[in-house]
């Protein structure tokens, strides 16, 4: 069952689109990145697959996206929007995994401990701006403070898997994929296989959370 709900926050109105599991044991809330919305192929794949495994998925659109703006606001404003939707995510009385892709992954990491997230799912975590590894955001990832899974493209200019620091988190590589999980036409895997790699990883990890 899919439902959509507008939620007021101090940053404006956000939108939650629910993909409900019949017998949910977890809620996985996933925010989008700064360059796109919840229509991203990986987010839609997760929303389609996880409910069959007892995980209700909530795809969260930040207020700037709901308002039709083209540019994402500052990170602090994104955090405000995420905090604002959290009560609606926890209202079902289930543990909530905080997740996101790219900028949304940073938000999930920064707010996880404060909000009491059960875990963090970081899709395409932007470890650093392209070509600027010295401007690392590793502290955000390492500071999440809860079980964390990173799913990263093998050719992501924002941080390839080999660049990630050692830490207490899981890391799954999508071979040859870029920041949007797109792969070259000459790659050994196609778009559908990419989504399968991502969803299989998330299902296995979510199952391990209990």
N, C-alpha and C. Protein backbone atom coordinates (compact mmCIF):
# COMPACT_ATOMS: atom_id res chain seq x y z
N UNK A 1 0.84 -1.18 0.00
CA UNK A 1 0.00 0.00 0.00
C UNK A 1 0.88 1.25 0.00
N UNK A 2 0.55 2.21 -0.84
CA UNK A 2 1.32 3.44 -0.94
C UNK A 2 0.43 4.63 -0.59
N UNK A 3 0.92 5.48 0.30
CA UNK A 3 0.20 6.69 0.67
C UNK A 3 1.18 7.85 0.73
N UNK A 4 0.67 9.06 0.58
CA UNK A 4 1.51 10.25 0.62
C UNK A 4 0.95 11.24 1.63
N UNK A 5 1.84 11.90 2.37
CA UNK A 5 1.40 12.81 3.42
C UNK A 5 2.32 14.04 3.48
N UNK A 6 1.70 15.21 3.55
CA UNK A 6 2.45 16.45 3.74
C UNK A 6 2.68 16.65 5.24
N UNK A 7 3.91 16.99 5.60
CA UNK A 7 4.27 17.20 7.00
C UNK A 7 4.91 18.58 7.13
N UNK A 8 4.37 19.41 8.00
CA UNK A 8 4.93 20.73 8.22
C UNK A 8 6.20 20.68 9.04
N UNK A 9 7.21 21.43 8.63
CA UNK A 9 8.46 21.53 9.39
C UNK A 9 8.84 23.01 9.48
N UNK A 10 9.83 23.33 10.28
CA UNK A 10 10.28 24.70 10.41
C UNK A 10 10.96 25.20 9.13
N UNK A 11 11.27 24.27 8.24
CA UNK A 11 11.88 24.64 6.95
C UNK A 11 10.84 24.69 5.83
N UNK A 12 9.58 24.43 6.17
CA UNK A 12 8.53 24.38 5.16
C UNK A 12 7.88 23.00 5.12
N UNK A 13 6.96 22.81 4.20
CA UNK A 13 6.25 21.53 4.09
C UNK A 13 7.11 20.47 3.40
N UNK A 14 7.25 19.33 4.06
CA UNK A 14 7.91 18.17 3.48
C UNK A 14 6.83 17.17 3.07
N UNK A 15 7.23 16.16 2.31
CA UNK A 15 6.27 15.13 1.90
C UNK A 15 6.87 13.75 2.17
N UNK A 16 6.06 12.89 2.79
CA UNK A 16 6.46 11.50 3.01
C UNK A 16 5.58 10.60 2.14
N UNK A 17 6.22 9.77 1.33
CA UNK A 17 5.49 8.76 0.56
C UNK A 17 5.81 7.41 1.18
N UNK A 18 4.76 6.77 1.68
CA UNK A 18 4.91 5.50 2.40
C UNK A 18 4.70 4.30 1.48
N UNK A 19 5.55 3.31 1.63
CA UNK A 19 5.41 2.01 0.98
C UNK A 19 5.36 1.00 2.13
N UNK A 20 4.15 0.59 2.46
CA UNK A 20 3.92 -0.14 3.71
C UNK A 20 4.14 -1.64 3.58
N UNK A 21 4.79 -2.20 4.60
CA UNK A 21 4.87 -3.65 4.74
C UNK A 21 3.66 -4.15 5.50
N UNK A 22 3.17 -5.33 5.19
CA UNK A 22 1.99 -5.86 5.88
C UNK A 22 2.26 -6.10 7.36
N UNK A 23 3.42 -6.66 7.66
CA UNK A 23 3.80 -6.90 9.05
C UNK A 23 5.17 -6.28 9.28
N UNK A 24 5.18 -5.00 9.41
CA UNK A 24 6.45 -4.26 9.49
C UNK A 24 7.11 -4.45 10.85
N UNK A 25 8.43 -4.59 10.82
CA UNK A 25 9.23 -4.64 12.03
C UNK A 25 10.18 -3.45 12.11
N UNK A 26 10.36 -2.77 10.96
CA UNK A 26 11.22 -1.60 10.87
C UNK A 26 10.61 -0.59 9.91
N UNK A 27 11.01 0.67 10.09
CA UNK A 27 10.73 1.70 9.10
C UNK A 27 12.08 2.17 8.55
N UNK A 28 12.21 2.21 7.25
CA UNK A 28 13.40 2.77 6.60
C UNK A 28 12.99 4.08 5.94
N UNK A 29 13.49 5.19 6.49
CA UNK A 29 13.19 6.51 5.94
C UNK A 29 14.38 6.95 5.09
N UNK A 30 14.11 7.33 3.85
CA UNK A 30 15.20 7.68 2.93
C UNK A 30 14.95 9.04 2.30
N UNK A 31 15.93 9.92 2.44
CA UNK A 31 15.86 11.23 1.83
C UNK A 31 16.65 11.26 0.52
N UNK A 32 16.31 12.19 -0.34
CA UNK A 32 16.96 12.30 -1.66
C UNK A 32 18.20 13.18 -1.58
N UNK A 33 18.86 13.33 -2.71
CA UNK A 33 20.05 14.17 -2.79
C UNK A 33 19.73 15.59 -3.18
N UNK A 34 20.80 16.38 -3.39
CA UNK A 34 20.64 17.78 -3.74
C UNK A 34 20.33 17.98 -5.22
N UNK A 35 20.55 16.94 -6.02
CA UNK A 35 20.35 17.08 -7.45
C UNK A 35 19.15 16.33 -8.01
N UNK A 36 18.31 15.78 -7.16
CA UNK A 36 17.17 15.01 -7.64
C UNK A 36 16.22 14.69 -6.51
N UNK A 37 15.16 13.96 -6.83
CA UNK A 37 14.15 13.64 -5.84
C UNK A 37 14.02 12.16 -5.59
N UNK A 38 12.85 11.77 -5.09
CA UNK A 38 12.64 10.37 -4.72
C UNK A 38 12.40 9.47 -5.93
N UNK A 39 12.39 10.07 -7.13
CA UNK A 39 12.25 9.25 -8.33
C UNK A 39 13.55 8.55 -8.71
N UNK A 40 14.64 8.80 -8.00
CA UNK A 40 15.91 8.14 -8.28
C UNK A 40 15.74 6.63 -8.32
N UNK A 41 16.39 6.00 -9.26
CA UNK A 41 16.21 4.57 -9.51
C UNK A 41 16.50 3.71 -8.28
N UNK A 42 17.56 4.07 -7.53
CA UNK A 42 17.89 3.27 -6.36
C UNK A 42 16.84 3.40 -5.26
N UNK A 43 16.32 4.62 -5.08
CA UNK A 43 15.28 4.82 -4.05
C UNK A 43 14.00 4.08 -4.41
N UNK A 44 13.62 4.15 -5.67
CA UNK A 44 12.42 3.45 -6.10
C UNK A 44 12.59 1.94 -5.99
N UNK A 45 13.79 1.46 -6.27
CA UNK A 45 14.05 0.03 -6.14
C UNK A 45 13.93 -0.44 -4.71
N UNK A 46 14.48 0.34 -3.78
CA UNK A 46 14.38 0.00 -2.36
C UNK A 46 12.93 0.01 -1.91
N UNK A 47 12.18 1.02 -2.34
CA UNK A 47 10.77 1.12 -1.95
C UNK A 47 9.94 -0.04 -2.49
N UNK A 48 10.34 -0.57 -3.64
CA UNK A 48 9.59 -1.67 -4.26
C UNK A 48 9.89 -3.02 -3.60
N UNK A 49 11.11 -3.18 -3.08
CA UNK A 49 11.56 -4.49 -2.60
C UNK A 49 11.44 -4.68 -1.09
N UNK A 50 11.77 -3.67 -0.32
CA UNK A 50 11.88 -3.84 1.14
C UNK A 50 10.58 -4.21 1.85
N UNK A 51 9.40 -3.69 1.43
CA UNK A 51 8.19 -4.05 2.17
C UNK A 51 7.92 -5.56 2.23
N UNK A 52 8.33 -6.31 1.22
CA UNK A 52 8.13 -7.76 1.24
C UNK A 52 9.01 -8.44 2.29
N UNK A 53 9.96 -7.69 2.84
CA UNK A 53 10.87 -8.23 3.85
C UNK A 53 10.61 -7.62 5.23
N UNK A 54 9.40 -7.12 5.43
CA UNK A 54 9.01 -6.62 6.74
C UNK A 54 9.51 -5.23 7.07
N UNK A 55 9.88 -4.46 6.04
CA UNK A 55 10.37 -3.10 6.26
C UNK A 55 9.49 -2.11 5.49
N UNK A 56 8.80 -1.25 6.22
CA UNK A 56 8.05 -0.17 5.57
C UNK A 56 9.03 0.92 5.16
N UNK A 57 8.89 1.41 3.94
CA UNK A 57 9.80 2.42 3.42
C UNK A 57 9.08 3.76 3.34
N UNK A 58 9.74 4.80 3.84
CA UNK A 58 9.20 6.15 3.76
C UNK A 58 10.18 6.98 2.94
N UNK A 59 9.78 7.37 1.73
CA UNK A 59 10.62 8.24 0.92
C UNK A 59 10.26 9.68 1.25
N UNK A 60 11.24 10.44 1.69
CA UNK A 60 11.02 11.78 2.22
C UNK A 60 11.52 12.84 1.24
N UNK A 61 10.62 13.76 0.87
CA UNK A 61 10.99 14.89 0.03
C UNK A 61 11.16 16.12 0.91
N UNK A 62 12.35 16.69 0.84
CA UNK A 62 12.66 17.87 1.64
C UNK A 62 11.79 19.06 1.20
N UNK A 63 11.55 20.02 2.11
CA UNK A 63 10.70 21.17 1.79
C UNK A 63 11.10 21.93 0.52
N UNK A 64 12.38 22.09 0.28
CA UNK A 64 12.79 22.83 -0.91
C UNK A 64 12.33 22.13 -2.18
N UNK A 65 12.32 20.80 -2.14
CA UNK A 65 11.89 20.03 -3.32
C UNK A 65 10.37 20.12 -3.48
N UNK A 66 9.65 20.01 -2.36
CA UNK A 66 8.19 20.12 -2.39
C UNK A 66 7.76 21.48 -2.92
N UNK A 67 8.53 22.52 -2.57
CA UNK A 67 8.22 23.89 -3.01
C UNK A 67 8.59 24.15 -4.46
N UNK A 68 9.21 23.17 -5.12
CA UNK A 68 9.54 23.32 -6.53
C UNK A 68 10.82 24.08 -6.80
N UNK A 69 11.65 24.25 -5.77
CA UNK A 69 12.91 24.96 -5.97
C UNK A 69 13.94 24.02 -6.61
N UNK A 70 14.89 24.61 -7.34
CA UNK A 70 15.87 23.81 -8.06
C UNK A 70 17.16 23.61 -7.30
N UNK A 71 17.41 24.46 -6.32
CA UNK A 71 18.66 24.37 -5.57
C UNK A 71 18.39 24.02 -4.11
N UNK A 72 19.15 23.07 -3.60
CA UNK A 72 19.00 22.69 -2.20
C UNK A 72 19.57 23.77 -1.29
N UNK A 73 18.99 23.95 -0.11
CA UNK A 73 19.50 24.95 0.84
C UNK A 73 20.74 24.44 1.56
N UNK A 74 21.21 25.20 2.51
CA UNK A 74 22.39 24.84 3.30
C UNK A 74 22.13 23.57 4.11
N UNK A 75 23.21 22.84 4.43
CA UNK A 75 23.06 21.61 5.21
C UNK A 75 22.25 21.76 6.49
N UNK A 76 22.44 22.89 7.21
CA UNK A 76 21.69 23.09 8.45
C UNK A 76 20.18 23.11 8.20
N UNK A 77 19.77 23.69 7.07
CA UNK A 77 18.34 23.75 6.73
C UNK A 77 17.82 22.36 6.38
N UNK A 78 18.64 21.57 5.70
CA UNK A 78 18.25 20.19 5.40
C UNK A 78 18.04 19.40 6.69
N UNK A 79 18.91 19.63 7.67
CA UNK A 79 18.77 18.96 8.96
C UNK A 79 17.46 19.37 9.65
N UNK A 80 17.12 20.65 9.54
CA UNK A 80 15.86 21.13 10.13
C UNK A 80 14.67 20.42 9.50
N UNK A 81 14.67 20.28 8.20
CA UNK A 81 13.59 19.58 7.51
C UNK A 81 13.48 18.13 7.95
N UNK A 82 14.64 17.48 8.10
CA UNK A 82 14.65 16.06 8.51
C UNK A 82 14.14 15.90 9.94
N UNK A 83 14.59 16.78 10.82
CA UNK A 83 14.08 16.73 12.19
C UNK A 83 12.57 16.91 12.22
N UNK A 84 12.07 17.76 11.36
CA UNK A 84 10.64 18.06 11.34
C UNK A 84 9.76 16.90 10.95
N UNK A 85 10.28 15.99 10.11
CA UNK A 85 9.47 14.84 9.69
C UNK A 85 9.62 13.66 10.64
N UNK A 86 10.62 13.70 11.51
CA UNK A 86 10.93 12.54 12.35
C UNK A 86 9.74 12.06 13.20
N UNK A 87 8.98 12.96 13.84
CA UNK A 87 7.84 12.48 14.62
C UNK A 87 6.84 11.66 13.79
N UNK A 88 6.65 12.05 12.53
CA UNK A 88 5.73 11.29 11.67
C UNK A 88 6.31 9.92 11.32
N UNK A 89 7.63 9.83 11.27
CA UNK A 89 8.27 8.55 10.95
C UNK A 89 8.24 7.59 12.13
N UNK A 90 8.29 8.12 13.34
CA UNK A 90 8.30 7.27 14.53
C UNK A 90 6.90 7.00 15.07
N UNK A 91 5.89 7.62 14.48
CA UNK A 91 4.52 7.52 15.00
C UNK A 91 3.98 6.10 14.99
N UNK A 92 4.55 5.24 14.14
CA UNK A 92 4.05 3.85 14.07
C UNK A 92 4.59 2.99 15.20
N UNK A 93 5.49 3.56 16.01
CA UNK A 93 6.01 2.84 17.16
C UNK A 93 7.08 1.82 16.81
N UNK A 94 7.64 1.90 15.62
CA UNK A 94 8.66 0.96 15.17
C UNK A 94 10.03 1.63 15.15
N UNK A 95 11.11 0.85 15.27
CA UNK A 95 12.44 1.42 15.11
C UNK A 95 12.56 2.04 13.71
N UNK A 96 13.23 3.17 13.62
CA UNK A 96 13.37 3.86 12.34
C UNK A 96 14.84 3.91 11.93
N UNK A 97 15.12 3.39 10.75
CA UNK A 97 16.44 3.50 10.15
C UNK A 97 16.46 4.79 9.33
N UNK A 98 17.44 5.65 9.62
CA UNK A 98 17.54 6.92 8.94
C UNK A 98 18.46 6.76 7.73
N UNK A 99 17.97 7.13 6.55
CA UNK A 99 18.75 6.92 5.34
C UNK A 99 18.65 8.07 4.37
N UNK A 100 19.50 8.01 3.37
CA UNK A 100 19.47 9.03 2.33
C UNK A 100 20.51 8.75 1.27
N UNK A 101 20.37 9.45 0.15
CA UNK A 101 21.39 9.35 -0.88
C UNK A 101 22.08 10.70 -1.00
N UNK A 102 23.39 10.67 -1.16
CA UNK A 102 24.22 11.85 -1.32
C UNK A 102 24.01 12.85 -0.17
N UNK A 103 23.50 14.04 -0.46
CA UNK A 103 23.27 15.02 0.62
C UNK A 103 22.34 14.46 1.68
N UNK A 104 21.38 13.64 1.27
CA UNK A 104 20.47 13.01 2.22
C UNK A 104 21.18 12.04 3.15
N UNK A 105 22.25 11.40 2.65
CA UNK A 105 23.04 10.51 3.49
C UNK A 105 23.79 11.29 4.55
N UNK A 106 24.27 12.48 4.18
CA UNK A 106 24.95 13.33 5.16
C UNK A 106 23.98 13.75 6.26
N UNK A 107 22.77 14.12 5.88
CA UNK A 107 21.75 14.50 6.85
C UNK A 107 21.49 13.36 7.83
N UNK A 108 21.33 12.15 7.28
CA UNK A 108 21.04 10.98 8.12
C UNK A 108 22.16 10.74 9.12
N UNK A 109 23.41 10.88 8.68
CA UNK A 109 24.55 10.67 9.57
C UNK A 109 24.62 11.75 10.64
N UNK A 110 24.42 13.00 10.24
CA UNK A 110 24.55 14.11 11.19
C UNK A 110 23.52 14.07 12.30
N UNK A 111 22.34 13.56 12.00
CA UNK A 111 21.23 13.63 12.96
C UNK A 111 20.88 12.31 13.63
N UNK A 112 21.57 11.24 13.29
CA UNK A 112 21.18 9.90 13.74
C UNK A 112 21.12 9.76 15.26
N UNK A 113 22.18 10.15 15.93
CA UNK A 113 22.23 10.00 17.38
C UNK A 113 21.20 10.89 18.07
N UNK A 114 21.13 12.13 17.62
CA UNK A 114 20.19 13.10 18.19
C UNK A 114 18.75 12.61 18.10
N UNK A 115 18.38 12.03 16.97
CA UNK A 115 16.99 11.62 16.74
C UNK A 115 16.69 10.22 17.24
N UNK A 116 17.70 9.48 17.62
CA UNK A 116 17.47 8.12 18.11
C UNK A 116 17.25 7.12 17.00
N UNK A 117 17.88 7.33 15.86
CA UNK A 117 17.76 6.38 14.74
C UNK A 117 18.32 5.02 15.13
N UNK A 118 17.69 3.97 14.63
CA UNK A 118 18.16 2.62 14.92
C UNK A 118 19.43 2.29 14.15
N UNK A 119 19.59 2.92 12.98
CA UNK A 119 20.74 2.66 12.11
C UNK A 119 20.73 3.72 11.02
N UNK A 120 21.77 3.72 10.18
CA UNK A 120 21.86 4.66 9.07
C UNK A 120 22.18 3.92 7.77
N UNK A 121 21.45 4.26 6.72
CA UNK A 121 21.74 3.77 5.37
C UNK A 121 22.24 4.96 4.56
N UNK A 122 23.48 4.89 4.10
CA UNK A 122 24.09 5.97 3.33
C UNK A 122 24.34 5.52 1.90
N UNK A 123 23.53 6.03 0.99
CA UNK A 123 23.67 5.71 -0.43
C UNK A 123 24.48 6.81 -1.10
N UNK A 124 25.54 6.44 -1.81
CA UNK A 124 26.39 7.42 -2.50
C UNK A 124 26.83 8.54 -1.55
N UNK A 125 27.41 8.15 -0.42
CA UNK A 125 27.85 9.16 0.54
C UNK A 125 28.92 10.04 -0.11
N UNK A 126 28.71 11.37 -0.12
CA UNK A 126 29.67 12.27 -0.75
C UNK A 126 30.85 12.55 0.18
N UNK A 127 31.82 11.67 0.15
CA UNK A 127 32.95 11.74 1.07
C UNK A 127 33.72 13.05 0.94
N UNK A 128 33.75 13.57 -0.28
CA UNK A 128 34.42 14.85 -0.54
C UNK A 128 33.91 15.41 -1.86
N UNK A 129 34.05 16.71 -2.10
CA UNK A 129 33.69 17.25 -3.40
C UNK A 129 34.58 16.64 -4.48
N UNK A 130 34.10 16.48 -5.70
CA UNK A 130 34.93 15.89 -6.76
C UNK A 130 36.27 16.61 -6.93
N UNK A 131 37.33 15.84 -6.94
CA UNK A 131 38.66 16.40 -7.13
C UNK A 131 39.24 17.10 -5.92
N UNK A 132 38.55 17.03 -4.78
CA UNK A 132 39.03 17.72 -3.58
C UNK A 132 39.01 16.78 -2.36
N UNK A 133 39.82 15.73 -2.42
CA UNK A 133 39.81 14.76 -1.31
C UNK A 133 40.22 15.35 0.02
N UNK A 134 40.92 16.51 -0.01
CA UNK A 134 41.34 17.14 1.23
C UNK A 134 40.16 17.71 2.02
N UNK A 135 39.03 17.91 1.33
CA UNK A 135 37.83 18.43 2.00
C UNK A 135 36.92 17.26 2.40
N UNK A 136 37.45 16.44 3.27
CA UNK A 136 36.77 15.20 3.64
C UNK A 136 35.58 15.44 4.57
N UNK A 137 34.55 14.65 4.37
CA UNK A 137 33.38 14.66 5.26
C UNK A 137 33.30 13.37 6.07
N UNK A 138 34.45 12.72 6.22
CA UNK A 138 34.49 11.43 6.91
C UNK A 138 33.97 11.53 8.34
N UNK A 139 34.18 12.68 8.99
CA UNK A 139 33.72 12.83 10.37
C UNK A 139 32.22 12.65 10.49
N UNK A 140 31.48 13.11 9.48
CA UNK A 140 30.02 12.95 9.53
C UNK A 140 29.65 11.47 9.50
N UNK A 141 30.31 10.73 8.62
CA UNK A 141 30.03 9.30 8.51
C UNK A 141 30.44 8.56 9.78
N UNK A 142 31.65 8.80 10.22
CA UNK A 142 32.17 8.09 11.39
C UNK A 142 31.47 8.50 12.68
N UNK A 143 30.82 9.67 12.66
CA UNK A 143 30.15 10.17 13.85
C UNK A 143 28.69 9.78 13.95
N UNK A 144 28.20 8.96 13.02
CA UNK A 144 26.78 8.59 13.04
C UNK A 144 26.38 7.95 14.36
N UNK A 145 27.25 7.12 14.92
CA UNK A 145 27.01 6.57 16.25
C UNK A 145 26.05 5.39 16.31
N UNK A 146 25.63 4.89 15.16
CA UNK A 146 24.71 3.75 15.10
C UNK A 146 25.18 2.83 13.97
N UNK A 147 24.68 1.58 13.90
CA UNK A 147 25.06 0.71 12.79
C UNK A 147 24.80 1.40 11.45
N UNK A 148 25.79 1.36 10.58
CA UNK A 148 25.71 2.11 9.33
C UNK A 148 26.13 1.25 8.15
N UNK A 149 25.39 1.37 7.06
CA UNK A 149 25.75 0.72 5.81
C UNK A 149 25.93 1.79 4.74
N UNK A 150 27.08 1.75 4.06
CA UNK A 150 27.35 2.62 2.93
C UNK A 150 27.27 1.79 1.66
N UNK A 151 26.52 2.26 0.67
CA UNK A 151 26.48 1.64 -0.65
C UNK A 151 27.04 2.67 -1.62
N UNK A 152 28.18 2.33 -2.24
CA UNK A 152 28.93 3.32 -2.99
C UNK A 152 29.31 2.82 -4.38
N UNK A 153 29.19 3.70 -5.37
CA UNK A 153 29.63 3.36 -6.70
C UNK A 153 31.13 3.24 -6.78
N UNK A 154 31.62 2.25 -7.52
CA UNK A 154 33.05 2.03 -7.62
C UNK A 154 33.79 3.15 -8.33
N UNK A 155 33.06 3.96 -9.09
CA UNK A 155 33.68 5.07 -9.82
C UNK A 155 33.03 6.40 -9.44
N UNK A 156 32.68 6.53 -8.17
CA UNK A 156 32.01 7.75 -7.69
C UNK A 156 33.05 8.85 -7.48
N UNK A 157 32.96 9.96 -8.21
CA UNK A 157 33.94 11.04 -8.05
C UNK A 157 33.84 11.74 -6.70
N UNK A 158 32.74 11.53 -5.99
CA UNK A 158 32.60 12.10 -4.65
C UNK A 158 33.23 11.20 -3.58
N UNK A 159 33.85 10.12 -4.00
CA UNK A 159 34.49 9.21 -3.06
C UNK A 159 34.36 7.77 -3.52
N UNK A 160 35.46 7.21 -3.99
CA UNK A 160 35.45 5.80 -4.38
C UNK A 160 35.62 4.94 -3.13
N UNK A 161 35.15 3.69 -3.16
CA UNK A 161 35.21 2.85 -1.96
C UNK A 161 36.59 2.79 -1.31
N UNK A 162 37.65 2.74 -2.13
CA UNK A 162 39.00 2.62 -1.58
C UNK A 162 39.42 3.86 -0.79
N UNK A 163 38.74 4.97 -1.00
CA UNK A 163 39.07 6.22 -0.31
C UNK A 163 38.46 6.30 1.09
N UNK A 164 37.51 5.44 1.38
CA UNK A 164 36.80 5.54 2.66
C UNK A 164 37.69 5.09 3.80
N UNK A 165 37.61 5.79 4.92
CA UNK A 165 38.45 5.44 6.08
C UNK A 165 37.95 4.16 6.76
N UNK A 166 38.83 3.56 7.53
CA UNK A 166 38.42 2.42 8.32
C UNK A 166 37.46 2.88 9.40
N UNK A 167 36.48 2.04 9.69
CA UNK A 167 35.51 2.40 10.72
C UNK A 167 34.53 1.27 10.93
N UNK A 168 33.68 1.47 11.92
CA UNK A 168 32.70 0.43 12.25
C UNK A 168 31.43 0.63 11.43
N UNK A 169 31.53 0.38 10.14
CA UNK A 169 30.38 0.45 9.25
C UNK A 169 30.61 -0.52 8.10
N UNK A 170 29.52 -0.91 7.46
CA UNK A 170 29.63 -1.79 6.31
C UNK A 170 29.71 -0.97 5.03
N UNK A 171 30.41 -1.50 4.04
CA UNK A 171 30.53 -0.80 2.76
C UNK A 171 30.35 -1.79 1.63
N UNK A 172 29.38 -1.52 0.77
CA UNK A 172 29.10 -2.35 -0.40
C UNK A 172 29.42 -1.55 -1.65
N UNK A 173 30.21 -2.11 -2.53
CA UNK A 173 30.58 -1.43 -3.77
C UNK A 173 29.68 -1.87 -4.92
N UNK A 174 29.23 -0.90 -5.70
CA UNK A 174 28.52 -1.18 -6.95
C UNK A 174 29.54 -0.99 -8.07
N UNK A 175 30.03 -2.08 -8.67
CA UNK A 175 31.15 -2.00 -9.61
C UNK A 175 30.90 -1.03 -10.77
N UNK A 176 31.85 -0.11 -10.95
CA UNK A 176 31.81 0.78 -12.10
C UNK A 176 30.79 1.90 -12.05
N UNK A 177 30.00 1.97 -11.00
CA UNK A 177 28.91 2.96 -10.94
C UNK A 177 29.43 4.33 -10.51
N UNK A 178 28.75 5.37 -10.99
CA UNK A 178 29.11 6.73 -10.61
C UNK A 178 28.26 7.19 -9.42
N UNK A 179 28.22 8.49 -9.18
CA UNK A 179 27.52 9.01 -8.01
C UNK A 179 26.00 8.75 -8.06
N UNK A 180 25.46 8.67 -9.26
CA UNK A 180 24.04 8.38 -9.43
C UNK A 180 23.77 6.91 -9.68
N UNK A 181 24.78 6.07 -9.46
CA UNK A 181 24.72 4.62 -9.69
C UNK A 181 24.50 4.28 -11.16
N UNK A 182 24.88 5.17 -12.05
CA UNK A 182 24.86 4.86 -13.48
C UNK A 182 26.18 4.16 -13.84
N UNK A 183 26.09 3.22 -14.77
CA UNK A 183 27.28 2.50 -15.22
C UNK A 183 27.47 2.72 -16.72
N UNK A 184 28.71 2.68 -17.22
CA UNK A 184 28.95 2.86 -18.65
C UNK A 184 28.30 1.75 -19.48
N UNK A 185 28.01 2.04 -20.71
CA UNK A 185 27.40 1.04 -21.58
C UNK A 185 28.28 -0.19 -21.74
N UNK A 186 29.59 0.01 -21.64
CA UNK A 186 30.52 -1.11 -21.81
C UNK A 186 30.69 -1.94 -20.54
N UNK A 187 30.02 -1.55 -19.45
CA UNK A 187 30.18 -2.24 -18.17
C UNK A 187 29.61 -3.66 -18.22
N UNK A 188 30.11 -4.48 -17.32
CA UNK A 188 29.66 -5.87 -17.25
C UNK A 188 28.26 -6.01 -16.68
N UNK A 189 27.78 -4.96 -16.01
CA UNK A 189 26.43 -4.99 -15.44
C UNK A 189 25.62 -3.83 -16.00
N UNK A 190 24.30 -4.04 -16.05
CA UNK A 190 23.40 -3.00 -16.54
C UNK A 190 22.62 -2.37 -15.41
N UNK A 191 21.77 -1.39 -15.74
CA UNK A 191 21.00 -0.68 -14.71
C UNK A 191 20.18 -1.58 -13.81
N UNK A 192 19.55 -2.60 -14.37
CA UNK A 192 18.71 -3.49 -13.54
C UNK A 192 19.57 -4.27 -12.54
N UNK A 193 20.75 -4.70 -12.98
CA UNK A 193 21.63 -5.43 -12.07
C UNK A 193 22.17 -4.51 -10.97
N UNK A 194 22.39 -3.26 -11.32
CA UNK A 194 22.83 -2.28 -10.32
C UNK A 194 21.79 -2.17 -9.20
N UNK A 195 20.54 -2.02 -9.58
CA UNK A 195 19.48 -1.91 -8.58
C UNK A 195 19.40 -3.19 -7.74
N UNK A 196 19.60 -4.33 -8.36
CA UNK A 196 19.56 -5.59 -7.62
C UNK A 196 20.69 -5.67 -6.60
N UNK A 197 21.88 -5.22 -6.98
CA UNK A 197 23.01 -5.21 -6.04
C UNK A 197 22.67 -4.35 -4.83
N UNK A 198 22.09 -3.18 -5.10
CA UNK A 198 21.74 -2.26 -4.02
C UNK A 198 20.66 -2.84 -3.12
N UNK A 199 19.58 -3.32 -3.72
CA UNK A 199 18.47 -3.81 -2.90
C UNK A 199 18.85 -5.08 -2.15
N UNK A 200 19.63 -5.97 -2.76
CA UNK A 200 20.08 -7.17 -2.06
C UNK A 200 20.90 -6.80 -0.83
N UNK A 201 21.78 -5.81 -1.00
CA UNK A 201 22.62 -5.37 0.12
C UNK A 201 21.78 -4.80 1.24
N UNK A 202 20.79 -3.97 0.88
CA UNK A 202 19.97 -3.34 1.90
C UNK A 202 19.06 -4.35 2.59
N UNK A 203 18.52 -5.30 1.84
CA UNK A 203 17.67 -6.34 2.44
C UNK A 203 18.48 -7.16 3.44
N UNK A 204 19.67 -7.59 3.02
CA UNK A 204 20.50 -8.41 3.91
C UNK A 204 20.89 -7.65 5.18
N UNK A 205 21.24 -6.39 5.01
CA UNK A 205 21.62 -5.57 6.16
C UNK A 205 20.44 -5.32 7.08
N UNK A 206 19.28 -4.97 6.50
CA UNK A 206 18.10 -4.71 7.32
C UNK A 206 17.67 -5.95 8.09
N UNK A 207 17.85 -7.12 7.48
CA UNK A 207 17.53 -8.37 8.18
C UNK A 207 18.45 -8.57 9.37
N UNK A 208 19.70 -8.16 9.23
CA UNK A 208 20.67 -8.34 10.32
C UNK A 208 20.37 -7.42 11.49
N UNK A 209 19.59 -6.36 11.25
CA UNK A 209 19.27 -5.42 12.33
C UNK A 209 18.24 -5.99 13.29
N UNK A 210 17.60 -7.10 12.88
CA UNK A 210 16.63 -7.77 13.76
C UNK A 210 15.21 -7.35 13.49
